[in-house]
């Protein structure tokens, strides 16, 4: 039977913990602050996402596109910054 979270639960747990630690330390525990603090444009939101542990360029662009398409992100230039995912 497959694990509920991931095929490799130990490594995934470490990644989730590293991400949570970064959000706690750098964003005062508020994940939404990554795309809201200081009214950032799309390129800045992309840069912030790429600075997160486990977020490479592709994952950050996909996440940025999801923020814009499904969560109402209004950052100027988000569509361009998310590339073909936008």
N, C-alpha and C. Protein backbone atom coordinates (compact mmCIF):
# COMPACT_ATOMS: atom_id res chain seq x y z
N UNK A 1 0.85 -1.18 0.00
CA UNK A 1 0.00 0.00 0.00
C UNK A 1 0.89 1.24 0.00
N UNK A 2 0.56 2.21 -0.82
CA UNK A 2 1.36 3.43 -0.91
C UNK A 2 1.17 4.31 0.32
N UNK A 3 2.23 5.02 0.71
CA UNK A 3 2.08 5.99 1.81
C UNK A 3 1.12 7.11 1.43
N UNK A 4 0.47 7.68 2.41
CA UNK A 4 -0.53 8.72 2.17
C UNK A 4 0.08 10.00 1.61
N UNK A 5 1.27 10.36 2.05
CA UNK A 5 1.85 11.65 1.67
C UNK A 5 2.75 11.53 0.44
N UNK A 6 3.61 10.54 0.43
CA UNK A 6 4.63 10.49 -0.61
C UNK A 6 5.25 9.11 -0.64
N UNK A 7 5.81 8.75 -1.76
CA UNK A 7 6.50 7.47 -1.87
C UNK A 7 7.69 7.38 -0.93
N UNK A 8 8.32 8.50 -0.66
CA UNK A 8 9.47 8.56 0.22
C UNK A 8 9.13 9.49 1.39
N UNK A 9 8.37 9.02 2.36
CA UNK A 9 7.86 9.89 3.41
C UNK A 9 8.94 10.61 4.22
N UNK A 10 10.07 9.97 4.44
CA UNK A 10 11.13 10.61 5.22
C UNK A 10 11.70 11.83 4.53
N UNK A 11 12.02 11.71 3.25
CA UNK A 11 12.58 12.87 2.53
C UNK A 11 11.52 13.95 2.33
N UNK A 12 10.27 13.55 2.07
CA UNK A 12 9.21 14.54 1.90
C UNK A 12 8.95 15.28 3.20
N UNK A 13 8.99 14.57 4.31
CA UNK A 13 8.79 15.22 5.61
C UNK A 13 9.87 16.27 5.84
N UNK A 14 11.10 15.96 5.49
CA UNK A 14 12.19 16.93 5.63
C UNK A 14 11.97 18.16 4.77
N UNK A 15 11.46 17.96 3.55
CA UNK A 15 11.20 19.09 2.65
C UNK A 15 10.07 19.96 3.18
N UNK A 16 9.02 19.33 3.67
CA UNK A 16 7.89 20.09 4.23
C UNK A 16 8.34 20.88 5.46
N UNK A 17 9.15 20.26 6.30
CA UNK A 17 9.65 20.95 7.48
C UNK A 17 10.54 22.13 7.11
N UNK A 18 11.39 21.97 6.11
CA UNK A 18 12.26 23.06 5.67
C UNK A 18 11.43 24.22 5.12
N UNK A 19 10.38 23.90 4.37
CA UNK A 19 9.51 24.94 3.83
C UNK A 19 8.78 25.66 4.96
N UNK A 20 8.24 24.90 5.91
CA UNK A 20 7.53 25.51 7.05
C UNK A 20 8.47 26.38 7.87
N UNK A 21 9.68 25.93 8.07
CA UNK A 21 10.67 26.71 8.82
C UNK A 21 10.98 28.03 8.11
N UNK A 22 11.12 27.99 6.80
CA UNK A 22 11.40 29.19 6.03
C UNK A 22 10.23 30.18 6.10
N UNK A 23 9.02 29.68 5.96
CA UNK A 23 7.84 30.56 6.05
C UNK A 23 7.75 31.17 7.45
N UNK A 24 8.03 30.38 8.46
CA UNK A 24 8.01 30.89 9.84
C UNK A 24 9.09 31.96 10.05
N UNK A 25 10.29 31.67 9.62
CA UNK A 25 11.43 32.56 9.85
C UNK A 25 11.37 33.83 8.99
N UNK A 26 11.11 33.66 7.69
CA UNK A 26 11.23 34.78 6.75
C UNK A 26 9.93 35.55 6.53
N UNK A 27 8.79 34.90 6.82
CA UNK A 27 7.49 35.50 6.51
C UNK A 27 6.57 35.53 7.74
N UNK A 28 7.15 35.46 8.93
CA UNK A 28 6.39 35.51 10.18
C UNK A 28 5.26 34.49 10.20
N UNK A 29 5.47 33.35 9.59
CA UNK A 29 4.49 32.28 9.60
C UNK A 29 3.30 32.49 8.68
N UNK A 30 3.32 33.53 7.89
CA UNK A 30 2.20 33.86 7.00
C UNK A 30 2.60 33.58 5.55
N UNK A 31 2.20 32.43 5.03
CA UNK A 31 2.58 32.06 3.67
C UNK A 31 2.07 33.07 2.64
N UNK A 32 0.89 33.63 2.86
CA UNK A 32 0.34 34.60 1.91
C UNK A 32 1.21 35.86 1.82
N UNK A 33 1.99 36.14 2.84
CA UNK A 33 2.87 37.31 2.81
C UNK A 33 3.89 37.21 1.67
N UNK A 34 4.18 36.00 1.23
CA UNK A 34 5.13 35.81 0.12
C UNK A 34 4.65 36.57 -1.11
N UNK A 35 3.36 36.59 -1.36
CA UNK A 35 2.85 37.27 -2.54
C UNK A 35 2.06 38.54 -2.23
N UNK A 36 2.01 38.94 -0.94
CA UNK A 36 1.27 40.16 -0.61
C UNK A 36 2.13 41.26 0.02
N UNK A 37 3.15 40.90 0.80
CA UNK A 37 3.95 41.93 1.48
C UNK A 37 4.61 42.89 0.50
N UNK A 38 4.35 44.17 0.68
CA UNK A 38 4.99 45.18 -0.13
C UNK A 38 4.43 45.34 -1.53
N UNK A 39 3.28 44.74 -1.80
CA UNK A 39 2.65 44.86 -3.11
C UNK A 39 3.61 44.50 -4.25
N UNK A 40 4.18 43.28 -4.25
CA UNK A 40 5.17 42.91 -5.25
C UNK A 40 4.56 42.69 -6.63
N UNK A 41 5.36 42.88 -7.67
CA UNK A 41 4.91 42.55 -9.01
C UNK A 41 5.16 41.07 -9.27
N UNK A 42 4.74 40.58 -10.42
CA UNK A 42 4.85 39.17 -10.73
C UNK A 42 6.28 38.65 -10.69
N UNK A 43 7.22 39.43 -11.19
CA UNK A 43 8.62 39.00 -11.19
C UNK A 43 9.15 38.85 -9.77
N UNK A 44 8.74 39.73 -8.88
CA UNK A 44 9.19 39.65 -7.48
C UNK A 44 8.55 38.46 -6.78
N UNK A 45 7.28 38.21 -7.04
CA UNK A 45 6.64 37.03 -6.44
C UNK A 45 7.35 35.77 -6.92
N UNK A 46 7.68 35.71 -8.19
CA UNK A 46 8.41 34.56 -8.73
C UNK A 46 9.76 34.41 -8.03
N UNK A 47 10.48 35.51 -7.84
CA UNK A 47 11.77 35.46 -7.16
C UNK A 47 11.60 34.92 -5.75
N UNK A 48 10.58 35.40 -5.04
CA UNK A 48 10.32 34.96 -3.66
C UNK A 48 9.98 33.48 -3.62
N UNK A 49 9.18 33.02 -4.56
CA UNK A 49 8.82 31.60 -4.59
C UNK A 49 10.05 30.74 -4.88
N UNK A 50 10.89 31.19 -5.79
CA UNK A 50 12.08 30.42 -6.13
C UNK A 50 13.08 30.37 -4.99
N UNK A 51 12.98 31.28 -4.04
CA UNK A 51 13.87 31.27 -2.88
C UNK A 51 13.43 30.26 -1.83
N UNK A 52 12.23 29.70 -1.98
CA UNK A 52 11.74 28.73 -1.02
C UNK A 52 12.40 27.37 -1.25
N UNK A 53 12.66 26.63 -0.17
CA UNK A 53 13.23 25.29 -0.33
C UNK A 53 12.28 24.39 -1.13
N UNK A 54 12.82 23.69 -2.10
CA UNK A 54 12.04 22.77 -2.91
C UNK A 54 11.35 23.41 -4.09
N UNK A 55 11.51 24.72 -4.28
CA UNK A 55 10.88 25.42 -5.40
C UNK A 55 11.93 25.82 -6.41
N UNK A 56 11.95 25.10 -7.52
CA UNK A 56 12.79 25.50 -8.65
C UNK A 56 11.99 26.45 -9.53
N UNK A 57 12.55 26.78 -10.66
CA UNK A 57 11.90 27.73 -11.56
C UNK A 57 10.54 27.22 -12.05
N UNK A 58 10.49 25.97 -12.46
CA UNK A 58 9.24 25.44 -13.01
C UNK A 58 8.14 25.39 -11.95
N UNK A 59 8.44 24.85 -10.77
CA UNK A 59 7.43 24.77 -9.73
C UNK A 59 6.97 26.17 -9.30
N UNK A 60 7.90 27.10 -9.23
CA UNK A 60 7.54 28.47 -8.84
C UNK A 60 6.63 29.11 -9.89
N UNK A 61 6.91 28.88 -11.17
CA UNK A 61 6.06 29.43 -12.23
C UNK A 61 4.67 28.80 -12.21
N UNK A 62 4.60 27.51 -11.97
CA UNK A 62 3.30 26.84 -11.87
C UNK A 62 2.51 27.40 -10.70
N UNK A 63 3.17 27.56 -9.56
CA UNK A 63 2.49 28.07 -8.37
C UNK A 63 2.03 29.51 -8.59
N UNK A 64 2.86 30.32 -9.22
CA UNK A 64 2.49 31.70 -9.54
C UNK A 64 1.26 31.73 -10.45
N UNK A 65 1.23 30.87 -11.45
CA UNK A 65 0.07 30.80 -12.34
C UNK A 65 -1.18 30.38 -11.58
N UNK A 66 -1.05 29.44 -10.66
CA UNK A 66 -2.20 29.04 -9.85
C UNK A 66 -2.70 30.19 -8.98
N UNK A 67 -1.77 30.94 -8.42
CA UNK A 67 -2.16 32.11 -7.62
C UNK A 67 -2.96 33.10 -8.46
N UNK A 68 -2.50 33.33 -9.67
CA UNK A 68 -3.18 34.28 -10.55
C UNK A 68 -4.51 33.78 -11.06
N UNK A 69 -4.56 32.52 -11.46
CA UNK A 69 -5.76 31.98 -12.09
C UNK A 69 -6.83 31.56 -11.09
N UNK A 70 -6.41 31.04 -9.94
CA UNK A 70 -7.39 30.45 -9.02
C UNK A 70 -7.54 31.19 -7.70
N UNK A 71 -6.57 32.03 -7.38
CA UNK A 71 -6.61 32.69 -6.06
C UNK A 71 -6.72 34.20 -6.15
N UNK A 72 -6.89 34.74 -7.34
CA UNK A 72 -7.12 36.17 -7.49
C UNK A 72 -5.91 37.06 -7.28
N UNK A 73 -4.71 36.52 -7.46
CA UNK A 73 -3.50 37.35 -7.35
C UNK A 73 -3.58 38.51 -8.33
N UNK A 74 -3.33 39.71 -7.85
CA UNK A 74 -3.44 40.90 -8.69
C UNK A 74 -2.08 41.55 -8.98
N UNK A 75 -1.00 40.85 -8.69
CA UNK A 75 0.34 41.40 -8.91
C UNK A 75 0.54 41.67 -10.40
N UNK A 76 0.92 42.88 -10.71
CA UNK A 76 1.15 43.27 -12.10
C UNK A 76 2.23 42.38 -12.71
N UNK A 77 1.95 41.84 -13.89
CA UNK A 77 2.93 41.03 -14.60
C UNK A 77 3.01 39.58 -14.16
N UNK A 78 2.06 39.12 -13.36
CA UNK A 78 2.15 37.72 -12.90
C UNK A 78 2.06 36.75 -14.07
N UNK A 79 1.22 37.07 -15.04
CA UNK A 79 1.03 36.16 -16.18
C UNK A 79 2.33 36.03 -16.98
N UNK A 80 2.99 37.14 -17.23
CA UNK A 80 4.25 37.11 -17.97
C UNK A 80 5.33 36.38 -17.18
N UNK A 81 5.38 36.63 -15.87
CA UNK A 81 6.40 36.00 -15.02
C UNK A 81 6.21 34.49 -14.92
N UNK A 82 4.97 34.03 -15.07
CA UNK A 82 4.71 32.59 -14.95
C UNK A 82 4.92 31.86 -16.28
N UNK A 83 5.33 32.57 -17.31
CA UNK A 83 5.67 31.95 -18.59
C UNK A 83 4.46 31.32 -19.24
N UNK A 84 4.67 30.18 -19.88
CA UNK A 84 3.57 29.54 -20.61
C UNK A 84 2.49 28.96 -19.69
N UNK A 85 2.75 28.90 -18.38
CA UNK A 85 1.73 28.45 -17.43
C UNK A 85 0.67 29.52 -17.20
N UNK A 86 1.03 30.77 -17.47
CA UNK A 86 0.12 31.89 -17.25
C UNK A 86 -0.93 31.97 -18.31
